Amino acid sequence: MVKLGWETYSIGADIFGATAFLLTFFGSMRCDFIKFTSVDGTFTDHFGVWRYGQWAFLSNGQQAWLYEGCFPYSDSVVIDSKWKAARAFDAIVLIGGLLFFMMSAFSACLGKRTYTRPNGIAGVCLLLLSLFSGLTLLVLDSNLCKNNVLLGEMMQQFVFNNDQCELSTGAKCFISATVFWFAAALCSLSASRRKNEENDEVEGGLTESLIQGEP
């Protein structure tokens, strides 16, 4: 069985971690974490953890809905404790992921002989990022999903089931990011273990050589 070097595991952690960070960033910036589909299935509205999609109705001969972009929630929207917790976990993952991304780039620039990342500590931190990324889904049990007042205010022409929100692109990005953070953590922990094994093999070889060299 071929044993991979610790550098290979470390590179895997960097790749998985960078992918997870980009997915987290992409999912956070979008305003389509969840979606509501009208009862007749003709219209779908999207909402994000931080922002929501703003629509405008045009009636210049041809009635149509125009998407105006993402806007922050107004003070009239009640952000409950679970929604606030999801935002906090999202912010933690973004900050932690950015630090890991910068640390990985710093390590790659200096080279393994000059700088060695503490893979064991990084692995534990990556596990926490995976956990926090998953906990962002708490927003599915918040007012955003179960008591969304913006549905009735903006889309009076359509009938929605307020308690039947669905996962949209942003949430799927976070689910994928959770998996990639976990994979990065496993690679980082494997790198730490493999590096210790290599150090033990080197020390064992030196000790054996010294013993054989004794008169």
Protein backbone atom coordinates (compact mmCIF):
# COMPACT_ATOMS: atom_id res chain seq x y z
CA MET A 1 0.00 0.00 0.00
CA VAL A 2 1.43 3.35 -1.08
CA LYS A 3 1.63 5.93 1.72
CA LEU A 4 1.16 9.52 0.74
CA GLY A 5 3.52 12.15 2.12
CA TRP A 6 2.27 14.80 4.53
CA GLU A 7 2.74 17.42 1.84
CA THR A 8 0.12 15.70 -0.34
CA TYR A 9 -2.43 15.77 2.47
CA SER A 10 -1.56 19.39 3.18
CA ILE A 11 -2.11 20.37 -0.45
CA GLY A 12 -5.45 18.54 -0.37
CA ALA A 13 -6.45 20.54 2.72
CA ASP A 14 -5.53 23.78 0.92
CA ILE A 15 -7.57 22.86 -2.16
CA PHE A 16 -10.62 21.71 -0.22
CA GLY A 17 -10.38 24.70 2.13
CA ALA A 18 -10.12 27.22 -0.72
CA THR A 19 -13.12 25.62 -2.45
CA ALA A 20 -15.13 25.73 0.78
CA PHE A 21 -14.27 29.39 1.34
CA LEU A 22 -15.32 30.37 -2.18
CA LEU A 23 -18.60 28.48 -1.79
CA THR A 24 -19.22 30.17 1.56
CA PHE A 25 -18.48 33.60 0.11
CA PHE A 26 -20.65 32.95 -2.93
CA GLY A 27 -23.54 31.67 -0.80
CA SER A 28 -23.30 34.60 1.62
CA MET A 29 -23.29 37.30 -1.04
CA ARG A 30 -26.29 35.91 -2.90
CA CYS A 31 -29.85 36.76 -1.95
CA ASP A 32 -31.30 33.35 -2.76
CA PHE A 33 -30.58 31.21 0.30
CA ILE A 34 -34.22 30.10 0.36
CA LYS A 35 -37.12 30.41 -2.05
CA PHE A 36 -40.90 30.50 -1.99
CA THR A 37 -42.97 29.33 -4.94
CA SER A 38 -46.47 30.66 -5.45
CA VAL A 39 -49.36 28.24 -5.08
CA ASP A 40 -50.06 28.32 -8.82
CA GLY A 41 -46.35 27.77 -9.57
CA THR A 42 -45.99 30.85 -11.77
CA PHE A 43 -43.65 32.87 -9.57
CA THR A 44 -40.68 32.14 -7.27
CA ASP A 45 -39.29 34.64 -4.79
CA HIS A 46 -35.85 34.36 -3.15
CA PHE A 47 -34.40 35.52 0.17
CA GLY A 48 -30.85 35.46 1.54
CA VAL A 49 -29.41 35.48 5.04
CA TRP A 50 -28.30 39.11 4.71
CA ARG A 51 -30.25 40.46 1.72
CA TYR A 52 -33.32 39.74 -0.38
CA GLY A 53 -34.25 40.11 -4.02
CA GLN A 54 -36.23 43.23 -4.89
CA TRP A 55 -38.82 43.04 -7.67
CA ALA A 56 -40.74 45.75 -9.50
CA PHE A 57 -43.97 45.28 -11.42
CA LEU A 58 -44.18 46.83 -14.90
CA SER A 59 -47.45 47.36 -16.69
CA ASN A 60 -46.53 49.23 -19.90
CA GLY A 61 -48.68 47.25 -22.26
CA GLN A 62 -47.12 43.96 -21.22
CA GLN A 63 -47.32 43.10 -17.54
CA ALA A 64 -44.03 41.70 -16.27
CA TRP A 65 -41.84 41.51 -13.17
CA LEU A 66 -38.44 43.19 -13.28
CA TYR A 67 -35.67 42.04 -10.95
CA GLU A 68 -33.92 45.07 -9.44
CA GLY A 69 -31.18 43.33 -7.43
CA CYS A 70 -30.30 42.51 -3.82
CA PHE A 71 -31.14 44.88 -0.98
CA PRO A 72 -30.61 44.70 2.81
CA TYR A 73 -33.58 43.97 5.03
CA SER A 74 -35.43 46.97 6.45
CA ASP A 75 -36.04 47.58 10.14
CA SER A 76 -39.61 46.36 9.75
CA VAL A 77 -38.36 42.79 9.34
CA VAL A 78 -38.08 41.03 12.69
CA ILE A 79 -34.80 39.10 12.82
CA ASP A 80 -35.28 36.46 15.52
CA SER A 81 -32.61 34.65 17.55
CA LYS A 82 -32.11 31.75 15.11
CA TRP A 83 -31.72 34.13 12.19
CA LYS A 84 -29.17 36.15 14.18
CA ALA A 85 -27.34 32.95 15.11
CA ALA A 86 -27.19 31.91 11.44
CA ARG A 87 -25.73 35.31 10.57
CA ALA A 88 -23.15 34.99 13.34
CA PHE A 89 -22.08 31.52 12.17
CA ASP A 90 -21.90 32.79 8.60
CA ALA A 91 -19.62 35.66 9.66
CA ILE A 92 -17.39 33.32 11.69
CA VAL A 93 -16.98 30.95 8.76
CA LEU A 94 -16.19 33.81 6.38
CA ILE A 95 -13.55 35.29 8.72
CA GLY A 96 -12.07 31.90 9.62
CA GLY A 97 -12.04 30.82 5.99
CA LEU A 98 -10.31 34.03 4.94
CA LEU A 99 -7.62 33.50 7.60
CA PHE A 100 -7.09 29.91 6.46
CA PHE A 101 -6.94 31.03 2.83
CA MET A 102 -4.33 33.68 3.64
CA MET A 103 -2.33 31.25 5.77
CA SER A 104 -2.33 28.69 2.96
CA ALA A 105 -1.14 31.29 0.46
CA PHE A 106 1.56 32.44 2.89
CA SER A 107 2.74 28.85 3.36
CA ALA A 108 2.82 28.24 -0.39
CA CYS A 109 4.87 31.41 -1.01
CA LEU A 110 7.50 30.65 1.63
CA GLY A 111 7.80 26.95 0.95
CA LYS A 112 7.69 24.01 3.34
CA ARG A 113 11.35 24.36 4.42
CA THR A 114 10.83 27.90 5.65
CA TYR A 115 7.33 27.75 7.10
CA THR A 116 5.39 24.73 8.34
CA ARG A 117 1.73 25.15 9.20
CA PRO A 118 0.59 23.48 12.45
CA ASN A 119 -1.65 20.99 10.67
CA GLY A 120 -3.12 19.51 13.86
CA ILE A 121 -4.40 22.87 15.08
CA ALA A 122 -5.57 23.81 11.60
CA GLY A 123 -7.47 20.52 11.35
CA VAL A 124 -9.43 21.22 14.52
CA CYS A 125 -10.20 24.76 13.32
CA LEU A 126 -11.42 23.39 9.99
CA LEU A 127 -13.70 20.96 11.81
CA LEU A 128 -15.20 23.90 13.68
CA LEU A 129 -15.68 25.79 10.40
CA SER A 130 -17.51 22.76 9.01
CA LEU A 131 -19.75 22.70 12.08
CA PHE A 132 -20.46 26.44 11.95
CA SER A 133 -21.14 26.27 8.22
CA GLY A 134 -23.77 23.62 8.84
CA LEU A 135 -25.29 25.60 11.71
CA THR A 136 -25.96 28.45 9.30
CA LEU A 137 -28.92 26.34 8.18
CA LEU A 138 -30.60 27.35 11.45
CA VAL A 139 -32.09 30.12 9.34
CA LEU A 140 -34.49 27.50 7.96
CA ASP A 141 -36.18 27.45 11.37
CA SER A 142 -36.34 31.24 11.70
CA ASN A 143 -38.74 34.00 10.72
CA LEU A 144 -37.09 34.18 7.32
CA CYS A 145 -38.49 30.77 6.47
CA LYS A 146 -41.53 30.39 8.71
CA ASN A 147 -42.91 33.91 9.12
CA ASN A 148 -41.68 35.97 6.20
CA VAL A 149 -43.63 39.24 6.25
CA LEU A 150 -42.09 40.42 2.98
CA LEU A 151 -44.03 37.85 0.95
CA GLY A 152 -47.37 39.51 1.54
CA GLU A 153 -46.02 43.04 1.23
CA MET A 154 -44.24 42.70 -2.09
CA MET A 155 -46.17 40.01 -3.93
CA GLN A 156 -49.83 40.78 -3.38
CA GLN A 157 -50.70 39.39 -6.81
CA PHE A 158 -49.56 35.90 -5.79
CA VAL A 159 -50.51 33.48 -3.03
CA PHE A 160 -47.66 31.81 -1.12
CA ASN A 161 -47.50 29.15 1.54
CA ASN A 162 -45.50 31.10 4.12
CA ASP A 163 -44.36 28.03 6.05
CA GLN A 164 -43.13 26.07 3.03
CA CYS A 165 -39.80 27.57 2.05
CA GLU A 166 -37.31 25.56 0.00
CA LEU A 167 -33.55 25.48 -0.29
CA SER A 168 -32.15 27.65 -3.04
CA THR A 169 -28.69 28.20 -4.53
CA GLY A 170 -27.20 29.95 -1.46
CA ALA A 171 -28.21 27.16 0.93
CA LYS A 172 -26.88 24.52 -1.44
CA CYS A 173 -23.56 26.41 -1.55
CA PHE A 174 -23.39 26.26 2.24
CA ILE A 175 -24.18 22.54 2.29
CA SER A 176 -21.41 21.92 -0.23
CA ALA A 177 -19.05 24.18 1.74
CA THR A 178 -19.77 22.17 4.91
CA VAL A 179 -18.66 19.00 3.14
CA PHE A 180 -15.53 20.65 1.73
CA TRP A 181 -14.59 22.13 5.15
CA PHE A 182 -14.90 18.64 6.63
CA ALA A 183 -12.77 17.14 3.83
CA ALA A 184 -10.15 19.87 4.39
CA ALA A 185 -10.13 19.07 8.11
CA LEU A 186 -9.57 15.35 7.46
CA CYS A 187 -6.70 16.13 5.07
CA SER A 188 -5.12 18.52 7.56
CA LEU A 189 -5.36 16.02 10.42
CA SER A 190 -3.98 13.28 8.16
CA ALA A 191 -1.10 15.57 7.22
CA SER A 192 -0.29 16.11 10.88
CA ARG A 193 -0.38 12.38 11.65
CA ARG A 194 1.66 11.47 8.57
CA LYS A 195 4.27 14.11 9.39
CA ASN A 196 4.67 12.70 12.90
CA GLU A 197 5.08 9.22 11.43
CA GLU A 198 7.76 10.46 9.03
CA ASN A 199 9.59 12.19 11.88
CA ASP A 200 9.46 9.00 13.94
CA GLU A 201 10.82 6.99 11.00
CA VAL A 202 13.71 9.44 10.56
CA GLU A 203 14.53 9.42 14.27
CA GLY A 204 14.31 5.64 14.34
CA GLY A 205 16.69 5.37 11.40
CA LEU A 206 19.21 7.72 13.02
CA THR A 207 19.08 5.81 16.30
CA GLU A 208 19.60 2.51 14.49
CA SER A 209 22.56 3.94 12.57
CA LEU A 210 24.16 5.20 15.79
CA ILE A 211 23.72 1.82 17.47
CA GLN A 212 25.24 -0.03 14.53
CA GLY A 213 28.13 2.42 14.43
CA GLU A 214 29.13 1.83 18.05
CA PRO A 215 32.37 -0.22 18.52
